[in-house]
Amino acid sequence: MRAANEALIVIDVQNDFCPNGALAVRDGDAIVGSINAMLPDFTARILTQDWHPIGHTSFASSYDGKSPYDLIDMSYGPQILWPDHCVQNTHGAAFHDVLETGSADLIIRKGFRPQIDSYSAFFENDKTTPTGLEGYLRTRGLDTVTIVGLATDFCVAYSALDAARLGFKVTVDMTACRGIDLNGSLDVTLTQMHAAGVKLKHD
């Protein structure tokens, strides 16, 4: 059992990020067994869930002449346009069937504001609008987090960097993560996490 001050944060293990999903991460479903095995070791277990409304501004389909993975400028900075994914109340937005969600203490839904995307478990992509996770962790006396899930180079990395910036002690268990690696994004975010003091666990 992990120390009482440590939380497990499971990022976006949802159908659309797994094989055959709308924004599938290669071998995304291969981590589910490892995550299930980890859950009983933690006294605090938080799951996050991408939860977009139809027509979200991060969807390429919301713009004429734009394609998935094009880059546009939003008020909060550059935004990659994605295929429609994790639309609220759809099968794609649901957690993977095998993921053991019943032991979760908290489920954080993110990306539900139509005008802003949300990668991090802590903040929207403007880096100022909070999800409430920081307050929840501090109220429970949790100052150490282990982060797993999908995808390593986007929602996992953004969550880890925000957690470190907020003063939490952060480990990303790479054995229970998978990445997209869009135009070298995996190497970039691994370097960023290392520089921020995030521990990257490989075994």
Protein backbone atom coordinates (compact mmCIF):
# COMPACT_ATOMS: atom_id res chain seq x y z
CA MET A 1 0.00 0.00 0.00
CA ARG A 2 1.26 3.46 -0.91
CA ALA A 3 1.58 6.22 1.66
CA ALA A 4 -1.62 7.94 2.76
CA ASN A 5 -0.48 11.22 1.19
CA GLU A 6 -0.20 9.77 -2.34
CA ALA A 7 -2.90 9.74 -5.02
CA LEU A 8 -3.17 7.82 -8.26
CA ILE A 9 -4.46 9.94 -11.16
CA VAL A 10 -5.69 7.92 -14.13
CA ILE A 11 -5.93 10.06 -17.25
CA ASP A 12 -8.56 9.53 -19.97
CA VAL A 13 -8.69 5.74 -20.34
CA GLN A 14 -11.70 6.08 -22.62
CA ASN A 15 -12.92 4.17 -25.64
CA ASP A 16 -12.08 6.89 -28.16
CA PHE A 17 -8.43 6.80 -27.09
CA CYS A 18 -8.22 3.02 -27.37
CA PRO A 19 -7.94 0.88 -30.55
CA ASN A 20 -10.87 1.46 -32.94
CA GLY A 21 -11.67 4.74 -31.20
CA ALA A 22 -12.02 8.12 -32.90
CA LEU A 23 -8.61 9.29 -31.64
CA ALA A 24 -6.95 5.96 -30.95
CA VAL A 25 -3.60 5.81 -29.18
CA ARG A 26 -1.57 2.84 -30.32
CA ASP A 27 -1.89 0.03 -27.75
CA GLY A 28 -3.95 2.35 -25.57
CA ASP A 29 -5.89 -0.58 -24.15
CA ALA A 30 -2.71 -2.44 -23.21
CA ILE A 31 -2.33 -0.36 -20.04
CA VAL A 32 -5.72 -1.17 -18.53
CA GLY A 33 -4.60 -4.32 -16.73
CA SER A 34 -1.62 -2.53 -15.19
CA ILE A 35 -3.80 0.33 -13.98
CA ASN A 36 -6.33 -2.05 -12.47
CA ALA A 37 -3.50 -3.77 -10.59
CA MET A 38 -2.29 -0.42 -9.23
CA LEU A 39 -5.63 0.92 -8.00
CA PRO A 40 -5.79 -1.09 -4.73
CA ASP A 41 -2.35 0.21 -3.71
CA PHE A 42 -3.59 3.80 -3.34
CA THR A 43 -5.95 5.25 -0.77
CA ALA A 44 -6.89 8.06 -3.18
CA ARG A 45 -7.84 7.28 -6.79
CA ILE A 46 -8.87 9.98 -9.26
CA LEU A 47 -10.00 9.32 -12.84
CA THR A 48 -10.25 11.96 -15.55
CA GLN A 49 -12.62 11.88 -18.49
CA ASP A 50 -12.53 13.97 -21.66
CA TRP A 51 -16.09 15.25 -22.00
CA HIS A 52 -16.64 17.42 -25.06
CA PRO A 53 -19.92 18.92 -26.27
CA ILE A 54 -20.90 18.48 -29.91
CA GLY A 55 -19.15 21.09 -32.06
CA HIS A 56 -16.31 21.74 -29.63
CA THR A 57 -13.85 24.35 -30.88
CA SER A 58 -10.99 21.84 -30.75
CA PHE A 59 -12.70 19.67 -33.39
CA ALA A 60 -11.50 20.09 -36.98
CA SER A 61 -15.09 19.52 -38.10
CA SER A 62 -16.05 22.85 -36.52
CA TYR A 63 -14.15 24.76 -39.23
CA ASP A 64 -14.52 24.95 -42.99
CA GLY A 65 -11.42 23.75 -44.79
CA LYS A 66 -9.63 22.43 -41.71
CA SER A 67 -8.42 18.88 -41.17
CA PRO A 68 -7.52 16.91 -38.05
CA TYR A 69 -4.08 17.83 -36.70
CA ASP A 70 -4.07 21.28 -38.32
CA LEU A 71 -2.90 24.01 -35.95
CA ILE A 72 -4.87 27.19 -35.29
CA ASP A 73 -4.48 30.13 -32.93
CA MET A 74 -6.99 30.47 -30.12
CA SER A 75 -7.25 33.22 -27.52
CA TYR A 76 -5.22 31.04 -25.14
CA GLY A 77 -2.54 30.07 -27.69
CA PRO A 78 -1.94 27.44 -30.38
CA GLN A 79 -4.56 24.69 -30.63
CA ILE A 80 -4.24 21.39 -32.46
CA LEU A 81 -7.49 20.45 -34.16
CA TRP A 82 -8.60 16.91 -33.41
CA PRO A 83 -11.06 14.45 -34.89
CA ASP A 84 -14.40 14.58 -33.07
CA HIS A 85 -13.82 12.49 -29.94
CA CYS A 86 -15.14 11.85 -26.43
CA VAL A 87 -18.43 13.57 -27.17
CA GLN A 88 -20.58 13.69 -24.04
CA ASN A 89 -22.80 10.66 -23.40
CA THR A 90 -21.40 8.62 -26.30
CA HIS A 91 -19.71 5.22 -26.27
CA GLY A 92 -16.45 6.90 -27.23
CA ALA A 93 -16.50 9.08 -24.12
CA ALA A 94 -17.13 6.13 -21.80
CA PHE A 95 -14.32 4.58 -19.81
CA HIS A 96 -12.81 1.42 -21.28
CA ASP A 97 -15.05 -1.48 -20.31
CA VAL A 98 -12.28 -3.32 -18.47
CA LEU A 99 -11.10 -0.34 -16.42
CA GLU A 100 -12.17 -0.78 -12.81
CA THR A 101 -13.89 2.53 -12.15
CA GLY A 102 -15.86 1.48 -9.09
CA SER A 103 -13.04 2.29 -6.68
CA ALA A 104 -12.61 5.89 -7.89
CA ASP A 105 -12.88 8.56 -5.20
CA LEU A 106 -13.36 11.31 -7.77
CA ILE A 107 -14.02 11.61 -11.49
CA ILE A 108 -12.91 14.87 -13.09
CA ARG A 109 -14.58 15.74 -16.40
CA LYS A 110 -12.66 18.17 -18.58
CA GLY A 111 -13.05 19.83 -21.96
CA PHE A 112 -16.75 20.45 -21.43
CA ARG A 113 -16.47 24.21 -22.02
CA PRO A 114 -17.22 24.70 -25.74
CA GLN A 115 -14.68 27.47 -26.35
CA ILE A 116 -11.57 25.96 -24.75
CA ASP A 117 -9.79 22.65 -24.83
CA SER A 118 -8.51 20.92 -21.72
CA TYR A 119 -5.59 18.49 -21.60
CA SER A 120 -4.54 18.81 -17.97
CA ALA A 121 -6.38 17.29 -15.03
CA PHE A 122 -5.73 20.57 -13.18
CA PHE A 123 -6.45 23.41 -15.63
CA GLU A 124 -8.06 24.17 -18.94
CA ASN A 125 -5.61 24.99 -21.73
CA ASP A 126 -5.62 28.66 -20.73
CA LYS A 127 -3.64 27.44 -17.70
CA THR A 128 -5.82 29.52 -15.36
CA THR A 129 -9.32 27.98 -15.33
CA PRO A 130 -9.16 25.25 -12.68
CA THR A 131 -10.85 21.87 -12.70
CA GLY A 132 -10.97 21.73 -8.89
CA LEU A 133 -8.49 18.87 -8.61
CA GLU A 134 -5.83 20.90 -6.83
CA GLY A 135 -8.24 21.88 -4.06
CA TYR A 136 -9.49 18.32 -3.69
CA LEU A 137 -5.96 16.96 -3.27
CA ARG A 138 -4.93 19.63 -0.79
CA THR A 139 -8.10 19.23 1.26
CA ARG A 140 -7.34 15.53 1.62
CA GLY A 141 -3.70 16.15 2.50
CA LEU A 142 -2.41 14.56 -0.70
CA ASP A 143 0.89 16.09 -1.79
CA THR A 144 2.28 13.26 -3.94
CA VAL A 145 0.77 11.96 -7.18
CA THR A 146 1.42 9.10 -9.57
CA ILE A 147 -0.02 9.73 -13.01
CA VAL A 148 -0.89 7.09 -15.63
CA GLY A 149 -3.10 6.90 -18.72
CA LEU A 150 -3.55 8.42 -22.16
CA ALA A 151 -1.85 10.03 -23.89
CA THR A 152 1.67 10.41 -22.52
CA ASP A 153 2.54 13.46 -24.62
CA PHE A 154 -0.70 15.36 -24.17
CA CYS A 155 -3.08 14.93 -21.25
CA VAL A 156 -0.64 12.94 -19.08
CA ALA A 157 2.24 15.36 -19.66
CA TYR A 158 0.09 18.48 -19.21
CA SER A 159 -1.26 17.06 -15.95
CA ALA A 160 2.21 16.16 -14.69
CA LEU A 161 3.67 19.56 -15.55
CA ASP A 162 0.81 21.38 -13.86
CA ALA A 163 1.09 19.17 -10.77
CA ALA A 164 4.81 19.90 -10.52
CA ARG A 165 4.20 23.64 -11.04
CA LEU A 166 1.69 23.55 -8.18
CA GLY A 167 4.25 21.98 -5.88
CA PHE A 168 3.16 18.36 -5.86
CA LYS A 169 5.71 15.55 -5.96
CA VAL A 170 5.02 13.85 -9.27
CA THR A 171 5.77 10.46 -10.81
CA VAL A 172 4.60 9.39 -14.26
CA ASP A 173 4.56 5.60 -14.47
CA MET A 174 5.54 5.11 -18.10
CA THR A 175 4.64 1.42 -17.97
CA ALA A 176 0.97 2.41 -17.69
CA CYS A 177 0.98 5.19 -20.32
CA ARG A 178 0.94 5.29 -24.10
CA GLY A 179 1.66 8.26 -26.37
CA ILE A 180 0.52 9.69 -29.67
CA ASP A 181 3.89 11.18 -30.74
CA LEU A 182 2.53 13.84 -33.08
CA ASN A 183 5.44 15.49 -34.92
CA GLY A 184 7.93 14.60 -32.19
CA SER A 185 5.64 15.58 -29.32
CA LEU A 186 6.67 12.61 -27.18
CA ASP A 187 10.36 13.55 -26.96
CA VAL A 188 9.46 17.19 -26.35
CA THR A 189 7.15 16.44 -23.45
CA LEU A 190 9.45 13.86 -21.89
CA THR A 191 12.20 16.49 -21.87
CA GLN A 192 9.80 19.04 -20.36
CA MET A 193 8.69 16.66 -17.62
CA HIS A 194 12.26 15.73 -16.73
CA ALA A 195 13.24 19.40 -16.56
CA ALA A 196 10.28 20.11 -14.27
CA GLY A 197 11.40 17.48 -11.78
CA VAL A 198 8.81 14.86 -12.72
CA LYS A 199 10.03 11.35 -12.05
CA LEU A 200 9.58 9.08 -15.08
CA LYS A 201 9.25 5.49 -13.94
CA HIS A 202 10.08 2.91 -16.61
CA ASP A 203 9.78 -0.37 -14.68
